[in-house]
Each structure stands twice: as C-alpha cells, then as structure tokens.
Amino acid sequence: MECEVRPATSEDTAAISSVVIAALRESNSQDYSPDVIAQVERSFAPEVIGALFDKRKIFVALLGENITGTASLDGDVVRSVFVDPAYQGRGIGGQLMDAIHATATSSGVGALRVPSSITA
C-alpha cells in the first residue's frame, strides 16, 4: 500500500497522538500491562509531541488526508514508530523507515540505533 510520507507539522500533533494511542491500546497491550500502556500513553499526548519538534525530525504517513503512521529520528536513534492498527501489515512502517533512513543518510549518519518494544 503506497502512502505519502512527509515531515510532520505542529498541526499534526493530535492525529499523531491518536495513531500512537490506538497502536498502544490495540497492539502493544498484547505485550504490556494496562499500567504500562497508560504510562506510555501520557508520553504521547499532543502537547508532549509538540514539544519534540525542536528535538527530533518527525514524519507522518498519510493515506489521502488521514495520518496512518508516524516515526521520528533523534540524531542516530529511531524513535516512536507507530502505525494505526487498521493499517498495520501493509508496508506503511517500511515506508516510514525508508524516510528515516534517507534523512539519516543525508545528515551523515552512518548507522542507526533502534531501541524497540517487545511488540515491535
């Protein structure tokens, strides 16, 4: 499934938050307790995401006008790769990672680190 991947804007924070929280609740909840999910959710409130724009390069994947996924690059570290559960398994995560890789390469990053969850 081909989607558009573009840099996120501050107007995307609510949609990014919704995608992340949906993925946490539906996908990650299979591997983590409700307490852990609730704690992680707080880290992805729209205002928290908005504060990350100065620290990370954040990307979104779109199908039409709908944000269906997100990923970010923090120096040489891949962060916060999430795809809406309704669209998982369709290659959107791979397209986000392609954008991350291209951005890292053009910034002179030779190797990426990818800390990940059990679910990932």
PDB file of N, CA and C in Angstrom:
ATOM      1  N   MET A   1       0.852  -1.165   0.000  1.00  0.00           N
ATOM      2  CA  MET A   1       0.000   0.000   0.000  1.00  0.00           C
ATOM      3  C   MET A   1       0.900   1.232   0.000  1.00  0.00           C
ATOM      4  N   GLU A   2       0.817   2.003  -1.047  1.00  0.00           N
ATOM      5  CA  GLU A   2       1.648   3.196  -1.172  1.00  0.00           C
ATOM      6  C   GLU A   2       0.981   4.362  -0.442  1.00  0.00           C
ATOM      7  N   CYS A   3       1.744   5.025   0.388  1.00  0.00           N
ATOM      8  CA  CYS A   3       1.244   6.193   1.101  1.00  0.00           C
ATOM      9  C   CYS A   3       2.221   7.334   0.885  1.00  0.00           C
ATOM     10  N   GLU A   4       1.819   8.512   1.300  1.00  0.00           N
ATOM     11  CA  GLU A   4       2.713   9.665   1.262  1.00  0.00           C
ATOM     12  C   GLU A   4       3.379   9.774   2.621  1.00  0.00           C
ATOM     13  N   VAL A   5       4.671   9.954   2.651  1.00  0.00           N
ATOM     14  CA  VAL A   5       5.400  10.212   3.891  1.00  0.00           C
ATOM     15  C   VAL A   5       5.973  11.615   3.777  1.00  0.00           C
ATOM     16  N   ARG A   6       5.710  12.413   4.786  1.00  0.00           N
ATOM     17  CA  ARG A   6       6.195  13.797   4.792  1.00  0.00           C
ATOM     18  C   ARG A   6       6.600  14.194   6.207  1.00  0.00           C
ATOM     19  N   PRO A   7       7.399  15.271   6.318  1.00  0.00           N
ATOM     20  CA  PRO A   7       7.707  15.781   7.655  1.00  0.00           C
ATOM     21  C   PRO A   7       6.414  16.214   8.349  1.00  0.00           C
ATOM     22  N   ALA A   8       6.324  15.931   9.624  1.00  0.00           N
ATOM     23  CA  ALA A   8       5.151  16.340  10.399  1.00  0.00           C
ATOM     24  C   ALA A   8       5.201  17.841  10.659  1.00  0.00           C
ATOM     25  N   THR A   9       4.027  18.403  10.889  1.00  0.00           N
ATOM     26  CA  THR A   9       3.917  19.804  11.275  1.00  0.00           C
ATOM     27  C   THR A   9       3.223  19.864  12.631  1.00  0.00           C
ATOM     28  N   SER A  10       3.258  21.021  13.236  1.00  0.00           N
ATOM     29  CA  SER A  10       2.607  21.175  14.540  1.00  0.00           C
ATOM     30  C   SER A  10       1.104  20.920  14.452  1.00  0.00           C
ATOM     31  N   GLU A  11       0.518  21.091  13.284  1.00  0.00           N
ATOM     32  CA  GLU A  11      -0.913  20.813  13.113  1.00  0.00           C
ATOM     33  C   GLU A  11      -1.219  19.315  13.167  1.00  0.00           C
ATOM     34  N   ASP A  12      -0.189  18.479  13.084  1.00  0.00           N
ATOM     35  CA  ASP A  12      -0.370  17.026  13.077  1.00  0.00           C
ATOM     36  C   ASP A  12      -0.363  16.398  14.473  1.00  0.00           C
ATOM     37  N   THR A  13      -0.094  17.187  15.508  1.00  0.00           N
ATOM     38  CA  THR A  13       0.145  16.578  16.821  1.00  0.00           C
ATOM     39  C   THR A  13      -1.039  15.768  17.337  1.00  0.00           C
ATOM     40  N   ALA A  14      -2.256  16.245  17.175  1.00  0.00           N
ATOM     41  CA  ALA A  14      -3.420  15.496  17.671  1.00  0.00           C
ATOM     42  C   ALA A  14      -3.582  14.183  16.916  1.00  0.00           C
ATOM     43  N   ALA A  15      -3.393  14.217  15.609  1.00  0.00           N
ATOM     44  CA  ALA A  15      -3.524  12.991  14.811  1.00  0.00           C
ATOM     45  C   ALA A  15      -2.408  12.009  15.129  1.00  0.00           C
ATOM     46  N   ILE A  16      -1.185  12.501  15.328  1.00  0.00           N
ATOM     47  CA  ILE A  16      -0.077  11.618  15.707  1.00  0.00           C
ATOM     48  C   ILE A  16      -0.396  10.958  17.045  1.00  0.00           C
ATOM     49  N   SER A  17      -0.847  11.744  18.000  1.00  0.00           N
ATOM     50  CA  SER A  17      -1.210  11.213  19.308  1.00  0.00           C
ATOM     51  C   SER A  17      -2.271  10.124  19.177  1.00  0.00           C
ATOM     52  N   SER A  18      -3.275  10.359  18.358  1.00  0.00           N
ATOM     53  CA  SER A  18      -4.350   9.365  18.166  1.00  0.00           C
ATOM     54  C   SER A  18      -3.825   8.065  17.588  1.00  0.00           C
ATOM     55  N   VAL A  19      -2.945   8.155  16.598  1.00  0.00           N
ATOM     56  CA  VAL A  19      -2.366   6.954  15.987  1.00  0.00           C
ATOM     57  C   VAL A  19      -1.560   6.171  17.015  1.00  0.00           C
ATOM     58  N   VAL A  20      -0.714   6.877  17.762  1.00  0.00           N
ATOM     59  CA  VAL A  20       0.141   6.210  18.747  1.00  0.00           C
ATOM     60  C   VAL A  20      -0.706   5.544  19.824  1.00  0.00           C
ATOM     61  N   ILE A  21      -1.677   6.261  20.344  1.00  0.00           N
ATOM     62  CA  ILE A  21      -2.506   5.701  21.419  1.00  0.00           C
ATOM     63  C   ILE A  21      -3.325   4.517  20.916  1.00  0.00           C
ATOM     64  N   ALA A  22      -3.837   4.587  19.703  1.00  0.00           N
ATOM     65  CA  ALA A  22      -4.570   3.442  19.144  1.00  0.00           C
ATOM     66  C   ALA A  22      -3.657   2.225  19.037  1.00  0.00           C
ATOM     67  N   ALA A  23      -2.426   2.434  18.561  1.00  0.00           N
ATOM     68  CA  ALA A  23      -1.479   1.320  18.443  1.00  0.00           C
ATOM     69  C   ALA A  23      -1.106   0.767  19.813  1.00  0.00           C
ATOM     70  N   LEU A  24      -0.896   1.648  20.777  1.00  0.00           N
ATOM     71  CA  LEU A  24      -0.579   1.184  22.129  1.00  0.00           C
ATOM     72  C   LEU A  24      -1.709   0.322  22.682  1.00  0.00           C
ATOM     73  N   ARG A  25      -2.935   0.808  22.555  1.00  0.00           N
ATOM     74  CA  ARG A  25      -4.080   0.113  23.142  1.00  0.00           C
ATOM     75  C   ARG A  25      -4.398  -1.197  22.434  1.00  0.00           C
ATOM     76  N   GLU A  26      -4.245  -1.223  21.120  1.00  0.00           N
ATOM     77  CA  GLU A  26      -4.631  -2.434  20.386  1.00  0.00           C
ATOM     78  C   GLU A  26      -3.474  -3.410  20.196  1.00  0.00           C
ATOM     79  N   SER A  27      -2.321  -2.915  19.829  1.00  0.00           N
ATOM     80  CA  SER A  27      -1.199  -3.796  19.502  1.00  0.00           C
ATOM     81  C   SER A  27      -0.281  -4.041  20.698  1.00  0.00           C
ATOM     82  N   ASN A  28       0.209  -2.965  21.293  1.00  0.00           N
ATOM     83  CA  ASN A  28       1.172  -3.106  22.383  1.00  0.00           C
ATOM     84  C   ASN A  28       0.550  -3.697  23.643  1.00  0.00           C
ATOM     85  N   SER A  29      -0.750  -3.544  23.808  1.00  0.00           N
ATOM     86  CA  SER A  29      -1.406  -4.075  25.008  1.00  0.00           C
ATOM     87  C   SER A  29      -1.348  -5.598  25.065  1.00  0.00           C
ATOM     88  N   GLN A  30      -1.011  -6.238  23.958  1.00  0.00           N
ATOM     89  CA  GLN A  30      -0.847  -7.693  23.965  1.00  0.00           C
ATOM     90  C   GLN A  30       0.433  -8.097  24.700  1.00  0.00           C
ATOM     91  N   ASP A  31       1.378  -7.174  24.815  1.00  0.00           N
ATOM     92  CA  ASP A  31       2.678  -7.473  25.418  1.00  0.00           C
ATOM     93  C   ASP A  31       2.938  -6.739  26.731  1.00  0.00           C
ATOM     94  N   TYR A  32       2.106  -5.753  27.055  1.00  0.00           N
ATOM     95  CA  TYR A  32       2.344  -4.928  28.232  1.00  0.00           C
ATOM     96  C   TYR A  32       1.067  -4.799  29.062  1.00  0.00           C
ATOM     97  N   SER A  33       1.247  -4.578  30.346  1.00  0.00           N
ATOM     98  CA  SER A  33       0.116  -4.439  31.268  1.00  0.00           C
ATOM     99  C   SER A  33      -0.607  -3.113  31.031  1.00  0.00           C
ATOM    100  N   PRO A  34      -1.871  -3.029  31.473  1.00  0.00           N
ATOM    101  CA  PRO A  34      -2.605  -1.766  31.336  1.00  0.00           C
ATOM    102  C   PRO A  34      -1.895  -0.589  32.012  1.00  0.00           C
ATOM    103  N   ASP A  35      -1.226  -0.833  33.134  1.00  0.00           N
ATOM    104  CA  ASP A  35      -0.496   0.245  33.813  1.00  0.00           C
ATOM    105  C   ASP A  35       0.633   0.785  32.953  1.00  0.00           C
ATOM    106  N   VAL A  36       1.363  -0.101  32.307  1.00  0.00           N
ATOM    107  CA  VAL A  36       2.467   0.325  31.439  1.00  0.00           C
ATOM    108  C   VAL A  36       1.917   1.092  30.241  1.00  0.00           C
ATOM    109  N   ILE A  37       0.849   0.583  29.640  1.00  0.00           N
ATOM    110  CA  ILE A  37       0.241   1.258  28.485  1.00  0.00           C
ATOM    111  C   ILE A  37      -0.213   2.663  28.891  1.00  0.00           C
ATOM    112  N   ALA A  38      -0.870   2.798  30.029  1.00  0.00           N
ATOM    113  CA  ALA A  38      -1.341   4.110  30.488  1.00  0.00           C
ATOM    114  C   ALA A  38      -0.173   5.067  30.712  1.00  0.00           C
ATOM    115  N   GLN A  39       0.911   4.564  31.259  1.00  0.00           N
ATOM    116  CA  GLN A  39       2.094   5.406  31.490  1.00  0.00           C
ATOM    117  C   GLN A  39       2.690   5.874  30.165  1.00  0.00           C
ATOM    118  N   VAL A  40       2.799   4.974  29.203  1.00  0.00           N
ATOM    119  CA  VAL A  40       3.377   5.335  27.909  1.00  0.00           C
ATOM    120  C   VAL A  40       2.455   6.291  27.156  1.00  0.00           C
ATOM    121  N   GLU A  41       1.156   6.094  27.278  1.00  0.00           N
ATOM    122  CA  GLU A  41       0.197   6.993  26.624  1.00  0.00           C
ATOM    123  C   GLU A  41       0.443   8.451  27.011  1.00  0.00           C
ATOM    124  N   ARG A  42       0.750   8.690  28.273  1.00  0.00           N
ATOM    125  CA  ARG A  42       0.981  10.066  28.727  1.00  0.00           C
ATOM    126  C   ARG A  42       2.164  10.707  27.992  1.00  0.00           C
ATOM    127  N   SER A  43       3.096   9.882  27.555  1.00  0.00           N
ATOM    128  CA  SER A  43       4.260  10.388  26.819  1.00  0.00           C
ATOM    129  C   SER A  43       3.921  10.790  25.388  1.00  0.00           C
ATOM    130  N   PHE A  44       2.692  10.493  24.967  1.00  0.00           N
ATOM    131  CA  PHE A  44       2.299  10.791  23.591  1.00  0.00           C
ATOM    132  C   PHE A  44       1.052  11.668  23.511  1.00  0.00           C
ATOM    133  N   ALA A  45       0.835  12.470  24.550  1.00  0.00           N
ATOM    134  CA  ALA A  45      -0.229  13.475  24.488  1.00  0.00           C
ATOM    135  C   ALA A  45       0.172  14.518  23.447  1.00  0.00           C
ATOM    136  N   PRO A  46      -0.797  15.172  22.807  1.00  0.00           N
ATOM    137  CA  PRO A  46      -0.450  16.147  21.762  1.00  0.00           C
ATOM    138  C   PRO A  46       0.556  17.211  22.213  1.00  0.00           C
ATOM    139  N   GLU A  47       0.426  17.711  23.431  1.00  0.00           N
ATOM    140  CA  GLU A  47       1.349  18.756  23.882  1.00  0.00           C
ATOM    141  C   GLU A  47       2.767  18.217  24.077  1.00  0.00           C
ATOM    142  N   VAL A  48       2.882  16.950  24.441  1.00  0.00           N
ATOM    143  CA  VAL A  48       4.208  16.335  24.584  1.00  0.00           C
ATOM    144  C   VAL A  48       4.838  16.143  23.204  1.00  0.00           C
ATOM    145  N   ILE A  49       4.040  15.681  22.263  1.00  0.00           N
ATOM    146  CA  ILE A  49       4.532  15.511  20.889  1.00  0.00           C
ATOM    147  C   ILE A  49       4.961  16.869  20.327  1.00  0.00           C
ATOM    148  N   GLY A  50       4.171  17.894  20.568  1.00  0.00           N
ATOM    149  CA  GLY A  50       4.508  19.234  20.087  1.00  0.00           C
ATOM    150  C   GLY A  50       5.855  19.711  20.582  1.00  0.00           C
ATOM    151  N   ALA A  51       6.206  19.350  21.798  1.00  0.00           N
ATOM    152  CA  ALA A  51       7.486  19.764  22.363  1.00  0.00           C
ATOM    153  C   ALA A  51       8.670  19.040  21.728  1.00  0.00           C
ATOM    154  N   LEU A  52       8.418  17.940  21.030  1.00  0.00           N
ATOM    155  CA  LEU A  52       9.504  17.165  20.414  1.00  0.00           C
ATOM    156  C   LEU A  52       9.969  17.732  19.078  1.00  0.00           C
ATOM    157  N   PHE A  53       9.222  18.643  18.489  1.00  0.00           N
ATOM    158  CA  PHE A  53       9.579  19.162  17.171  1.00  0.00           C
ATOM    159  C   PHE A  53      10.938  19.849  17.155  1.00  0.00           C
ATOM    160  N   ASP A  54      11.356  20.405  18.281  1.00  0.00           N
ATOM    161  CA  ASP A  54      12.666  21.058  18.343  1.00  0.00           C
ATOM    162  C   ASP A  54      13.800  20.060  18.542  1.00  0.00           C
ATOM    163  N   LYS A  55      13.471  18.827  18.902  1.00  0.00           N
ATOM    164  CA  LYS A  55      14.488  17.832  19.239  1.00  0.00           C
ATOM    165  C   LYS A  55      14.623  16.715  18.218  1.00  0.00           C
ATOM    166  N   ARG A  56      13.561  16.441  17.481  1.00  0.00           N
ATOM    167  CA  ARG A  56      13.537  15.302  16.561  1.00  0.00           C
ATOM    168  C   ARG A  56      13.006  15.715  15.196  1.00  0.00           C
ATOM    169  N   LYS A  57      13.333  14.898  14.217  1.00  0.00           N
ATOM    170  CA  LYS A  57      12.712  15.019  12.899  1.00  0.00           C
ATOM    171  C   LYS A  57      11.555  14.017  12.897  1.00  0.00           C
ATOM    172  N   ILE A  58      10.348  14.528  12.863  1.00  0.00           N
ATOM    173  CA  ILE A  58       9.152  13.697  12.959  1.00  0.00           C
ATOM    174  C   ILE A  58       8.506  13.601  11.585  1.00  0.00           C
ATOM    175  N   PHE A  59       8.105  12.384  11.242  1.00  0.00           N
ATOM    176  CA  PHE A  59       7.459  12.122   9.959  1.00  0.00           C
ATOM    177  C   PHE A  59       6.076  11.521  10.190  1.00  0.00           C
ATOM    178  N   VAL A  60       5.205  11.726   9.207  1.00  0.00           N
ATOM    179  CA  VAL A  60       3.892  11.085   9.217  1.00  0.00           C
ATOM    180  C   VAL A  60       3.673  10.396   7.874  1.00  0.00           C
ATOM    181  N   ALA A  61       2.902   9.330   7.930  1.00  0.00           N
ATOM    182  CA  ALA A  61       2.453   8.629   6.721  1.00  0.00           C
ATOM    183  C   ALA A  61       0.982   8.953   6.536  1.00  0.00           C
ATOM    184  N   LEU A  62       0.619   9.261   5.300  1.00  0.00           N
ATOM    185  CA  LEU A  62      -0.769   9.614   5.015  1.00  0.00           C
ATOM    186  C   LEU A  62      -1.338   8.731   3.913  1.00  0.00           C
ATOM    187  N   LEU A  63      -2.575   8.369   4.092  1.00  0.00           N
ATOM    188  CA  LEU A  63      -3.386   7.776   3.027  1.00  0.00           C
ATOM    189  C   LEU A  63      -4.500   8.775   2.803  1.00  0.00           C
ATOM    190  N   GLY A  64      -4.460   9.430   1.671  1.00  0.00           N
ATOM    191  CA  GLY A  64      -5.376  10.544   1.456  1.00  0.00           C
ATOM    192  C   GLY A  64      -5.026  11.645   2.445  1.00  0.00           C
ATOM    193  N   GLU A  65      -6.014  12.084   3.204  1.00  0.00           N
ATOM    194  CA  GLU A  65      -5.800  13.128   4.216  1.00  0.00           C
ATOM    195  C   GLU A  65      -5.548  12.551   5.606  1.00  0.00           C
ATOM    196  N   ASN A  66      -5.647  11.229   5.747  1.00  0.00           N
ATOM    197  CA  ASN A  66      -5.561  10.596   7.061  1.00  0.00           C
ATOM    198  C   ASN A  66      -4.142  10.199   7.426  1.00  0.00           C
ATOM    199  N   ILE A  67      -3.699  10.627   8.596  1.00  0.00           N
ATOM    200  CA  ILE A  67      -2.406  10.204   9.122  1.00  0.00           C
ATOM    201  C   ILE A  67      -2.569   8.778   9.639  1.00  0.00           C
ATOM    202  N   THR A  68      -1.780   7.879   9.072  1.00  0.00           N
ATOM    203  CA  THR A  68      -1.897   6.463   9.417  1.00  0.00           C
ATOM    204  C   THR A  68      -0.671   5.922  10.141  1.00  0.00           C
ATOM    205  N   GLY A  69       0.381   6.730  10.239  1.00  0.00           N
ATOM    206  CA  GLY A  69       1.579   6.279  10.922  1.00  0.00           C
ATOM    207  C   GLY A  69       2.506   7.434  11.208  1.00  0.00           C
ATOM    208  N   THR A  70       3.492   7.162  12.063  1.00  0.00           N
ATOM    209  CA  THR A  70       4.478   8.174  12.426  1.00  0.00           C
ATOM    210  C   THR A  70       5.791   7.502  12.797  1.00  0.00           C
ATOM    211  N   ALA A  71       6.858   8.234  12.642  1.00  0.00           N
ATOM    212  CA  ALA A  71       8.192   7.794  13.070  1.00  0.00           C
ATOM    213  C   ALA A  71       9.035   9.051  13.244  1.00  0.00           C
ATOM    214  N   SER A  72      10.074   8.960  14.069  1.00  0.00           N
ATOM    215  CA  SER A  72      10.940  10.116  14.232  1.00  0.00           C
ATOM    216  C   SER A  72      12.395   9.700  14.337  1.00  0.00           C
ATOM    217  N   LEU A  73      13.243  10.673  14.057  1.00  0.00           N
ATOM    218  CA  LEU A  73      14.683  10.477  14.104  1.00  0.00           C
ATOM    219  C   LEU A  73      15.265  11.483  15.088  1.00  0.00           C
ATOM    220  N   ASP A  74      15.984  10.956  16.067  1.00  0.00           N
ATOM    221  CA  ASP A  74      16.608  11.761  17.109  1.00  0.00           C
ATOM    222  C   ASP A  74      18.112  11.528  17.015  1.00  0.00           C
ATOM    223  N   GLY A  75      18.781  12.324  16.156  1.00  0.00           N
ATOM    224  CA  GLY A  75      20.205  12.099  15.902  1.00  0.00           C
ATOM    225  C   GLY A  75      20.393  10.804  15.131  1.00  0.00           C
ATOM    226  N   ASP A  76      20.954   9.793  15.795  1.00  0.00           N
ATOM    227  CA  ASP A  76      21.126   8.489  15.140  1.00  0.00           C
ATOM    228  C   ASP A  76      20.193   7.433  15.725  1.00  0.00           C
ATOM    229  N   VAL A  77      19.155   7.883  16.429  1.00  0.00           N
ATOM    230  CA  VAL A  77      18.226   6.959  17.080  1.00  0.00           C
ATOM    231  C   VAL A  77      16.840   7.080  16.457  1.00  0.00           C
ATOM    232  N   VAL A  78      16.298   5.947  16.031  1.00  0.00           N
ATOM    233  CA  VAL A  78      14.934   5.884  15.509  1.00  0.00           C
ATOM    234  C   VAL A  78      13.995   5.827  16.707  1.00  0.00           C
ATOM    235  N   ARG A  79      12.996   6.682  16.705  1.00  0.00           N
ATOM    236  CA  ARG A  79      12.052   6.762  17.820  1.00  0.00           C
ATOM    237  C   ARG A  79      10.606   6.683  17.321  1.00  0.00           C
ATOM    238  N   SER A  80       9.771   6.180  18.167  1.00  0.00           N
ATOM    239  CA  SER A  80       8.313   6.312  18.036  1.00  0.00           C
ATOM    240  C   SER A  80       7.775   5.911  16.665  1.00  0.00           C
ATOM    241  N   VAL A  81       8.056   4.692  16.256  1.00  0.00           N
ATOM    242  CA  VAL A  81       7.490   4.183  15.011  1.00  0.00           C
ATOM    243  C   VAL A  81       6.170   3.494  15.357  1.00  0.00           C
ATOM    244  N   PHE A  82       5.077   4.076  14.892  1.00  0.00           N
ATOM    245  CA  PHE A  82       3.754   3.538  15.154  1.00  0.00           C
ATOM    246  C   PHE A  82       2.904   3.632  13.895  1.00  0.00           C
ATOM    247  N   VAL A  83       2.093   2.599  13.664  1.00  0.00           N
ATOM    248  CA  VAL A  83       1.143   2.589  12.564  1.00  0.00           C
ATOM    249  C   VAL A  83      -0.237   2.293  13.148  1.00  0.00           C
ATOM    250  N   ASP A  84      -1.223   3.025  12.678  1.00  0.00           N
ATOM    251  CA  ASP A  84      -2.602   2.800  13.098  1.00  0.00           C
ATOM    252  C   ASP A  84      -2.930   1.316  12.928  1.00  0.00           C
ATOM    253  N   PRO A  85      -3.498   0.671  13.935  1.00  0.00           N
ATOM    254  CA  PRO A  85      -3.786  -0.764  13.844  1.00  0.00           C
ATOM    255  C   PRO A  85      -4.616  -1.158  12.620  1.00  0.00           C
ATOM    256  N   ALA A  86      -5.476  -0.281  12.155  1.00  0.00           N
ATOM    257  CA  ALA A  86      -6.292  -0.584  10.974  1.00  0.00           C
ATOM    258  C   ALA A  86      -5.458  -0.710   9.709  1.00  0.00           C
ATOM    259  N   TYR A  87      -4.211  -0.211   9.740  1.00  0.00           N
ATOM    260  CA  TYR A  87      -3.355  -0.212   8.557  1.00  0.00           C
ATOM    261  C   TYR A  87      -2.064  -0.993   8.744  1.00  0.00           C
ATOM    262  N   GLN A  88      -1.909  -1.660   9.866  1.00  0.00           N
ATOM    263  CA  GLN A  88      -0.691  -2.428  10.115  1.00  0.00           C
ATOM    264  C   GLN A  88      -0.587  -3.601   9.148  1.00  0.00           C
ATOM    265  N   GLY A  89       0.647  -3.958   8.819  1.00  0.00           N
ATOM    266  CA  GLY A  89       0.896  -5.082   7.925  1.00  0.00           C
ATOM    267  C   GLY A  89       0.771  -4.748   6.454  1.00  0.00           C
ATOM    268  N   ARG A  90       0.721  -3.472   6.122  1.00  0.00           N
ATOM    269  CA  ARG A  90       0.545  -3.053   4.725  1.00  0.00           C
ATOM    270  C   ARG A  90       1.759  -2.305   4.175  1.00  0.00           C
ATOM    271  N   GLY A  91       2.855  -2.309   4.915  1.00  0.00           N
ATOM    272  CA  GLY A  91       4.075  -1.676   4.424  1.00  0.00           C
ATOM    273  C   GLY A  91       4.263  -0.231   4.814  1.00  0.00           C
ATOM    274  N   ILE A  92       3.351   0.334   5.588  1.00  0.00           N
ATOM    275  CA  ILE A  92       3.467   1.743   5.970  1.00  0.00           C
ATOM    276  C   ILE A  92       4.679   1.960   6.868  1.00  0.00           C
ATOM    277  N   GLY A  93       4.904   1.056   7.807  1.00  0.00           N
ATOM    278  CA  GLY A  93       6.075   1.166   8.675  1.00  0.00           C
ATOM    279  C   GLY A  93       7.370   1.146   7.875  1.00  0.00           C
ATOM    280  N   GLY A  94       7.425   0.311   6.858  1.00  0.00           N
ATOM    281  CA  GLY A  94       8.605   0.246   5.995  1.00  0.00           C
ATOM    282  C   GLY A  94       8.832   1.539   5.238  1.00  0.00           C
ATOM    283  N   GLN A  95       7.751   2.159   4.783  1.00  0.00           N
ATOM    284  CA  GLN A  95       7.877   3.431   4.076  1.00  0.00           C
ATOM    285  C   GLN A  95       8.344   4.537   5.023  1.00  0.00           C
ATOM    286  N   LEU A  96       7.860   4.509   6.257  1.00  0.00           N
ATOM    287  CA  LEU A  96       8.349   5.465   7.252  1.00  0.00           C
ATOM    288  C   LEU A  96       9.837   5.242   7.512  1.00  0.00           C
ATOM    289  N   MET A  97      10.241   3.992   7.639  1.00  0.00           N
ATOM    290  CA  MET A  97      11.649   3.691   7.875  1.00  0.00           C
ATOM    291  C   MET A  97      12.517   4.098   6.684  1.00  0.00           C
ATOM    292  N   ASP A  98      11.996   3.988   5.468  1.00  0.00           N
ATOM    293  CA  ASP A  98      12.730   4.469   4.295  1.00  0.00           C
ATOM    294  C   ASP A  98      13.007   5.967   4.416  1.00  0.00           C
ATOM    295  N   ALA A  99      12.010   6.729   4.862  1.00  0.00           N
ATOM    296  CA  ALA A  99      12.183   8.178   5.030  1.00  0.00           C
ATOM    297  C   ALA A  99      13.198   8.478   6.131  1.00  0.00           C
ATOM    298  N   ILE A 100      13.132   7.718   7.210  1.00  0.00           N
ATOM    299  CA  ILE A 100      14.097   7.885   8.304  1.00  0.00           C
ATOM    300  C   ILE A 100      15.507   7.591   7.798  1.00  0.00           C
ATOM    301  N   HIS A 101      15.657   6.497   7.082  1.00  0.00           N
ATOM    302  CA  HIS A 101      16.970   6.102   6.562  1.00  0.00           C
ATOM    303  C   HIS A 101      17.519   7.173   5.613  1.00  0.00           C
ATOM    304  N   ALA A 102      16.687   7.653   4.704  1.00  0.00           N
ATOM    305  CA  ALA A 102      17.130   8.678   3.747  1.00  0.00           C
ATOM    306  C   ALA A 102      17.540   9.959   4.472  1.00  0.00           C
ATOM    307  N   THR A 103      16.788  10.342   5.473  1.00  0.00           N
ATOM    308  CA  THR A 103      17.109  11.549   6.237  1.00  0.00           C
ATOM    309  C   THR A 103      18.421  11.377   6.999  1.00  0.00           C
ATOM    310  N   ALA A 104      18.581  10.219   7.618  1.00  0.00           N
ATOM    311  CA  ALA A 104      19.815   9.947   8.354  1.00  0.00           C
ATOM    312  C   ALA A 104      21.022   9.962   7.416  1.00  0.00           C
ATOM    313  N   THR A 105      20.884   9.314   6.273  1.00  0.00           N
ATOM    314  CA  THR A 105      21.977   9.256   5.307  1.00  0.00           C
ATOM    315  C   THR A 105      22.357  10.654   4.835  1.00  0.00           C
ATOM    316  N   SER A 106      21.351  11.466   4.510  1.00  0.00           N
ATOM    317  CA  SER A 106      21.650  12.821   4.027  1.00  0.00           C
ATOM    318  C   SER A 106      22.228  13.710   5.124  1.00  0.00           C
ATOM    319  N   SER A 107      22.038  13.318   6.376  1.00  0.00           N
ATOM    320  CA  SER A 107      22.604  14.063   7.508  1.00  0.00           C
ATOM    321  C   SER A 107      23.963  13.530   7.927  1.00  0.00           C
ATOM    322  N   GLY A 108      24.467  12.518   7.202  1.00  0.00           N
ATOM    323  CA  GLY A 108      25.781  11.972   7.505  1.00  0.00           C
ATOM    324  C   GLY A 108      25.798  10.901   8.585  1.00  0.00           C
ATOM    325  N   VAL A 109      24.626  10.398   8.964  1.00  0.00           N
ATOM    326  CA  VAL A 109      24.558   9.337   9.970  1.00  0.00           C
ATOM    327  C   VAL A 109      24.898   8.019   9.291  1.00  0.00           C
ATOM    328  N   GLY A 110      25.919   7.336   9.797  1.00  0.00           N
ATOM    329  CA  GLY A 110      26.378   6.088   9.190  1.00  0.00           C
ATOM    330  C   GLY A 110      25.646   4.850   9.660  1.00  0.00           C
ATOM    331  N   ALA A 111      25.127   4.898  10.875  1.00  0.00           N
ATOM    332  CA  ALA A 111      24.420   3.744  11.430  1.00  0.00           C
ATOM    333  C   ALA A 111      23.313   4.258  12.345  1.00  0.00           C
ATOM    334  N   LEU A 112      22.199   3.570  12.336  1.00  0.00           N
ATOM    335  CA  LEU A 112      21.076   3.935  13.186  1.00  0.00           C
ATOM    336  C   LEU A 112      20.931   2.973  14.341  1.00  0.00           C
ATOM    337  N   ARG A 113      20.503   3.499  15.469  1.00  0.00           N
ATOM    338  CA  ARG A 113      20.148   2.654  16.606  1.00  0.00           C
ATOM    339  C   ARG A 113      18.620   2.640  16.683  1.00  0.00           C
ATOM    340  N   VAL A 114      18.084   1.469  16.996  1.00  0.00           N
ATOM    341  CA  VAL A 114      16.637   1.309  17.026  1.00  0.00           C
ATOM    342  C   VAL A 114      16.213   0.593  18.305  1.00  0.00           C
ATOM    343  N   PRO A 115      16.089   1.336  19.407  1.00  0.00           N
ATOM    344  CA  PRO A 115      15.543   0.703  20.597  1.00  0.00           C
ATOM    345  C   PRO A 115      14.071   0.412  20.329  1.00  0.00           C
ATOM    346  N   SER A 116      13.604  -0.750  20.720  1.00  0.00           N
ATOM    347  CA  SER A 116      12.222  -1.081  20.382  1.00  0.00           C
ATOM    348  C   SER A 116      11.507  -1.786  21.522  1.00  0.00           C
ATOM    349  N   SER A 117      10.210  -1.819  21.402  1.00  0.00           N
ATOM    350  CA  SER A 117       9.376  -2.500  22.377  1.00  0.00           C
ATOM    351  C   SER A 117       9.322  -3.988  22.065  1.00  0.00           C
ATOM    352  N   ILE A 118       8.782  -4.756  22.972  1.00  0.00           N
ATOM    353  CA  ILE A 118       8.568  -6.184  22.718  1.00  0.00           C
ATOM    354  C   ILE A 118       7.658  -6.344  21.495  1.00  0.00           C
ATOM    355  N   THR A 119       6.631  -5.512  21.398  1.00  0.00           N
ATOM    356  CA  THR A 119       5.670  -5.608  20.305  1.00  0.00           C
ATOM    357  C   THR A 119       6.332  -5.399  18.956  1.00  0.00           C
ATOM    358  N   ALA A 120       7.243  -4.424  18.883  1.00  0.00           N
ATOM    359  CA  ALA A 120       7.917  -4.120  17.621  1.00  0.00           C
ATOM    360  C   ALA A 120       8.766  -5.292  17.180  1.00  0.00           C
TER     361      ALA A 120
END
